C-alpha cells in the first residue's frame, strides 16, 4: 500500500462532525467507486494511518482517509454539504 498522506486538519473536522452526529454519508473514493454508510468513528493506527469507520448494509468498513475523495451527508439539516477531501493534504 502507498505511504499514507494525512488530511489537512480542517478537513478532518468534517469527519469528526459526521461521526459525532452519525451522519449517513455518500462517500466517493479516489478509485472512482462510491458507497453509502453511516459515519461511526475515526481511528489512528500505530503507524499513523487514519481511518473512517462506517456502517454499510454489508457491515462495518474501515476506509483509509487518504483514499476518500469526497463525503456528502444525506441527513436533512446536516451542518455541511459535499466536502472534497483528496486535494487538501497536510
C-alpha atoms as a PDB file:
ATOM      1  CA  UNK A   1       0.000   0.000   0.000  1.00  0.00           C
ATOM      2  CA  UNK A   2       1.162   3.567  -0.696  1.00  0.00           C
ATOM      3  CA  UNK A   3       2.588   5.755   2.060  1.00  0.00           C
ATOM      4  CA  UNK A   4      -0.214   7.428   3.988  1.00  0.00           C
ATOM      5  CA  UNK A   5      -0.811  11.120   3.240  1.00  0.00           C
ATOM      6  CA  UNK A   6      -2.642  12.808   6.158  1.00  0.00           C
ATOM      7  CA  UNK A   7      -5.639  15.062   5.595  1.00  0.00           C
ATOM      8  CA  UNK A   8      -5.497  18.770   6.343  1.00  0.00           C
ATOM      9  CA  UNK A   9      -6.671  19.312   9.932  1.00  0.00           C
ATOM     10  CA  UNK A  10      -9.627  21.499   8.896  1.00  0.00           C
ATOM     11  CA  UNK A  11     -10.965  18.659   6.727  1.00  0.00           C
ATOM     12  CA  UNK A  12     -10.536  16.102   9.482  1.00  0.00           C
ATOM     13  CA  UNK A  13     -13.033  18.169  11.486  1.00  0.00           C
ATOM     14  CA  UNK A  14     -15.777  17.363   8.947  1.00  0.00           C
ATOM     15  CA  UNK A  15     -15.210  13.649   9.511  1.00  0.00           C
ATOM     16  CA  UNK A  16     -15.390  14.135  13.267  1.00  0.00           C
ATOM     17  CA  UNK A  17     -18.652  16.088  12.929  1.00  0.00           C
ATOM     18  CA  UNK A  18     -20.081  13.350  10.687  1.00  0.00           C
ATOM     19  CA  UNK A  19     -19.220  10.733  13.321  1.00  0.00           C
ATOM     20  CA  UNK A  20     -20.494  12.829  16.220  1.00  0.00           C
ATOM     21  CA  UNK A  21     -23.896  13.178  14.503  1.00  0.00           C
ATOM     22  CA  UNK A  22     -23.882   9.654  12.995  1.00  0.00           C
ATOM     23  CA  UNK A  23     -24.459  11.122   9.528  1.00  0.00           C
ATOM     24  CA  UNK A  24     -25.407   8.860   6.670  1.00  0.00           C
ATOM     25  CA  UNK A  25     -22.749   9.646   4.053  1.00  0.00           C
ATOM     26  CA  UNK A  26     -22.397   9.303   0.333  1.00  0.00           C
ATOM     27  CA  UNK A  27     -18.676   8.512   0.102  1.00  0.00           C
ATOM     28  CA  UNK A  28     -16.657   8.947  -3.078  1.00  0.00           C
ATOM     29  CA  UNK A  29     -13.305   7.163  -3.226  1.00  0.00           C
ATOM     30  CA  UNK A  30     -10.276   8.195  -5.303  1.00  0.00           C
ATOM     31  CA  UNK A  31     -10.557   4.989  -7.349  1.00  0.00           C
ATOM     32  CA  UNK A  32     -13.947   6.177  -8.662  1.00  0.00           C
ATOM     33  CA  UNK A  33     -16.097   3.889  -6.534  1.00  0.00           C
ATOM     34  CA  UNK A  34     -18.847   5.084  -4.199  1.00  0.00           C
ATOM     35  CA  UNK A  35     -20.574   3.744  -1.151  1.00  0.00           C
ATOM     36  CA  UNK A  36     -23.186   4.760   1.365  1.00  0.00           C
ATOM     37  CA  UNK A  37     -22.536   4.370   5.050  1.00  0.00           C
ATOM     38  CA  UNK A  38     -23.221   5.750   8.497  1.00  0.00           C
ATOM     39  CA  UNK A  39     -20.205   7.518   9.998  1.00  0.00           C
ATOM     40  CA  UNK A  40     -19.231   5.773  13.243  1.00  0.00           C
ATOM     41  CA  UNK A  41     -15.781   6.896  14.350  1.00  0.00           C
ATOM     42  CA  UNK A  42     -12.244   7.622  13.270  1.00  0.00           C
ATOM     43  CA  UNK A  43      -9.132   5.765  14.319  1.00  0.00           C
ATOM     44  CA  UNK A  44      -5.394   6.156  14.014  1.00  0.00           C
ATOM     45  CA  UNK A  45      -3.075   3.151  13.845  1.00  0.00           C
ATOM     46  CA  UNK A  46       0.340   2.871  15.481  1.00  0.00           C
ATOM     47  CA  UNK A  47       1.866   3.657  12.074  1.00  0.00           C
ATOM     48  CA  UNK A  48      -0.140   6.951  12.000  1.00  0.00           C
ATOM     49  CA  UNK A  49      -2.569   5.897   9.267  1.00  0.00           C
ATOM     50  CA  UNK A  50      -6.048   7.338   9.815  1.00  0.00           C
ATOM     51  CA  UNK A  51      -9.320   5.577   9.035  1.00  0.00           C
ATOM     52  CA  UNK A  52     -13.002   6.400   8.901  1.00  0.00           C
ATOM     53  CA  UNK A  53     -15.218   3.594  10.168  1.00  0.00           C
ATOM     54  CA  UNK A  54     -18.659   3.399   8.580  1.00  0.00           C
ATOM     55  CA  UNK A  55     -21.608   1.044   8.855  1.00  0.00           C
ATOM     56  CA  UNK A  56     -22.876  -0.157   5.466  1.00  0.00           C
ATOM     57  CA  UNK A  57     -25.519  -2.752   4.554  1.00  0.00           C
ATOM     58  CA  UNK A  58     -22.594  -5.216   4.258  1.00  0.00           C
ATOM     59  CA  UNK A  59     -21.313  -4.448   7.774  1.00  0.00           C
ATOM     60  CA  UNK A  60     -18.672  -2.118   9.151  1.00  0.00           C
ATOM     61  CA  UNK A  61     -15.966  -0.901   6.792  1.00  0.00           C
ATOM     62  CA  UNK A  62     -12.673   0.775   7.596  1.00  0.00           C
ATOM     63  CA  UNK A  63     -11.741   3.366   4.960  1.00  0.00           C
ATOM     64  CA  UNK A  64      -8.248   4.849   4.861  1.00  0.00           C
ATOM     65  CA  UNK A  65      -8.738   8.617   4.856  1.00  0.00           C
ATOM     66  CA  UNK A  66      -6.321   9.361   2.028  1.00  0.00           C
ATOM     67  CA  UNK A  67      -8.472   7.109  -0.198  1.00  0.00           C
ATOM     68  CA  UNK A  68     -11.508   9.356   0.348  1.00  0.00           C
ATOM     69  CA  UNK A  69     -12.232  11.801  -2.470  1.00  0.00           C
ATOM     70  CA  UNK A  70     -15.350  13.429  -1.002  1.00  0.00           C
ATOM     71  CA  UNK A  71     -18.131  12.958   1.523  1.00  0.00           C
ATOM     72  CA  UNK A  72     -21.705  14.241   1.287  1.00  0.00           C
ATOM     73  CA  UNK A  73     -24.079  13.919   4.250  1.00  0.00           C
ATOM     74  CA  UNK A  74     -27.523  12.620   3.338  1.00  0.00           C
ATOM     75  CA  UNK A  75     -29.233  13.766   6.547  1.00  0.00           C
ATOM     76  CA  UNK A  76     -31.720  16.635   6.406  1.00  0.00           C
ATOM     77  CA  UNK A  77     -30.316  19.659   8.209  1.00  0.00           C
ATOM     78  CA  UNK A  78     -26.696  18.432   8.117  1.00  0.00           C
ATOM     79  CA  UNK A  79     -24.228  21.120   9.178  1.00  0.00           C
ATOM     80  CA  UNK A  80     -22.240  20.856   5.922  1.00  0.00           C
ATOM     81  CA  UNK A  81     -22.668  19.759   2.312  1.00  0.00           C
ATOM     82  CA  UNK A  82     -20.282  17.934  -0.016  1.00  0.00           C
ATOM     83  CA  UNK A  83     -16.669  18.200   1.157  1.00  0.00           C
ATOM     84  CA  UNK A  84     -13.807  17.493  -1.226  1.00  0.00           C
ATOM     85  CA  UNK A  85     -11.072  15.775   0.779  1.00  0.00           C
ATOM     86  CA  UNK A  86      -8.453  14.496  -1.629  1.00  0.00           C
ATOM     87  CA  UNK A  87      -6.866  17.733  -2.871  1.00  0.00           C
ATOM     88  CA  UNK A  88      -6.051  19.060   0.592  1.00  0.00           C
ATOM     89  CA  UNK A  89      -3.196  17.279   2.304  1.00  0.00           C
ATOM     90  CA  UNK A  90      -1.017  18.367   5.194  1.00  0.00           C
END
